[in-house]
Amino acid sequence: MSDDSEYINKDASQSADADERRQIRHRRHVKEQVVSTFILLLFIGIVAFGVFMLVSAIIRYIPRNLFSGGTAAVADTAAATESSVQESLPPVTLEAPETESSVGETQVDYLEEVVGGYLADMTLEDKVSGLFIVTPEQLTGASRAQKAGDLTKEALSKYRVGGFLYSEGNVSDREQLTALISDTSSMSEYPLFFFVEEEGGKHSPVSSKLSDVTDPGVPGEIGASGDAEQALNAGRSMGSYLKELGFNMDIAPVADLATENAGSENRERTYGSDTAQTSEMVTSVINGLQTEGLGACVKYFPGEGEFLGKDSSSVIEKTREEIESTDLLPFEAAVNCGVSAVMISNMRYSAFDKGEVPASLSKEVMNDLLRQKLGFSGLIVTGDLSDKAISREMGSGDAAVAALKAGADLIMTPKNFEEAYNAVLEAVKSGDIKEESVDESLDRIYRIKCGFEMSGLEK
C-alpha cells in the first residue's frame, strides 16, 4: 500500500511539472506573438508615415508646375538657375516647356475640372466682363481709390471684371494696401487678377511708397553688373513682398533692348543692349517672381528699343528679319522659361500690317508671331488701351473688339470701360467675335487664376 501511494504521488508530481512547463511555453509563445504584432504594427506605421510625407511633398510641388498655365518649366528652371549661380556657372538654362503629361494626368484633370466649373456657371455678360483689367477708379468712378467699400461692391456685382491694375495713387501704407486688395477680393464672385507694374528703381509704385519695402534694384544697374544672380534675387524680392500684400501679377520685367540712341530712362528700365545677356537677366527675374508665387507679365512685345517710354504713335522702321534676330530674342527666352503673360506694345511696326495698326491690335503680331512662331500658350495682354496712340485713333469699343479679334486674351484699361464692355458684348452676340474664342481666352485666364488658388495665393 505504501509503495502504491509513493508511485501515485510521484506520477502526480511529474504531471504537475509537465503542466507547468506547458504553461511556461504558452506564456512564452503569447509573449512572442505580442512582440511580433508590435513590431509589425510599428513597421506599418513607419511605412504609412513615409507614404504620407511623400504624398504631401508631391501635393506641395504640383501647384507650382501648374501655375504657368501650360508651361510648367518655371520651378525647375528656377531651381537649376539657383544651383548654377551657386556653382559659378551660367545662372539660367533655357529649356523647352514641359508638356501637361509631365505634370501628371490626375492634376491636369483636376485643374481642367476647376476651370470648367467656373466657366460653366458664367453668363455671357460674366464672360465678357472677365476679359477686362481696369483700375479701381475706372470701375467705381472714384477720383482715387484707396479702400474698397460700397462703390466697389456694387460695381463688382454689375461688372465681374477679370481684375484690377493698381498704381502709386492707390498706395498709402502697408495696412491700407493689404486691406484694399483683400476686401476687393472678398467682394468678387470670381477670382481676380491684381496687377501692378513693379519693375525696380523709379518704376516701382509699391516699394517707392512703402517705407518697410526695400527697392529691389534698378534694372539698368543690375544689367550693367552682368550678374544674373542679382536679377534672380530682384525677382524674388519683388515676388515676395508683392505676394504678401495680395498681388498676384507683376507687369515686369521689361524685355526691350537698350540702343545707342536710348535715353537715360530707357537705360534704367532695361537690362542692356546685348541680346544674350538681356535674355539671361529677363529669365532670371521671371524665375524669381514666379518661384515666389507671382505671375510675371513680360513687356513690351515685340520690343520697342529706343522708343521705350516715348510717344507710342511712332512707327518702328525695322524689317521682320531685324526684329526676329535681335529684339525678339529676350521675349523668346521668356516664353521658353514659362512666363505667365506677355504684354503687347502699342507701337506700330513697319514690318507688320504695313505700320498702320498698333501691335496691341495686330493679328500678325499677337497670333502669327507670338502664338504661332514662338509657341506661346499663356496670356496675351494688350498694352494700356487708354494710351493716346490708341484712343486718338478709335473709340474704346472699337479698340477692344479689334484687340480680341486679333488674338488678345485680356484688355488692359480701356479709356472708357463701359463703352468697351458693351461693344465686346454686342460683338459676341452678333457673332463678330465667336463665343468659342472668348471661352478659349477665359480658359487660359482661369488656368492661371486657379493655379493661384491651388497654391493658396487667392482668397
Foldseek 3Di string as FASTA:
>chain_A
DVVVVVVVVVVVVVVVVVVVVVVVVVVVVVVVVVVVVVVVVVVVVVVVVVVVVVVVVLLLPLLLQLQLQFFRQLQVQQVQLVVCLVVVHQNGDFAFGDGPVVSPPVVVVVLCVVLVVVVVPDDLQQLLQQQEEAALCLQQVDPADQADDPSLLVSCVVRVHQAYEDALSNDAELVSLLRRQVVSQVSHPDFHAYEYADAFDPRHSPPVRYVVQDTLHFLLVVLVVLRLVSLLSSLQSVLQVCLVSQHAEYADDELAEEDPLADPVVSRRANYHDLVSRLSSRSSSQSNNSVSRHAYAYDEPLHDYNCVPHQQLDEAEDAPVVSVVGSNRSVLSCQSSSHQHYEYGQHFYCNFPNSPGGLLLALCRAPVVVCPVSVHDHAYEYDAQCRCSNPVVDALQVSLLSNLVSPHLHYYHHVNVVSNSVSVSVCCVVVVDPVVSSSSSSSNSSSNSVSCVSSVSGD
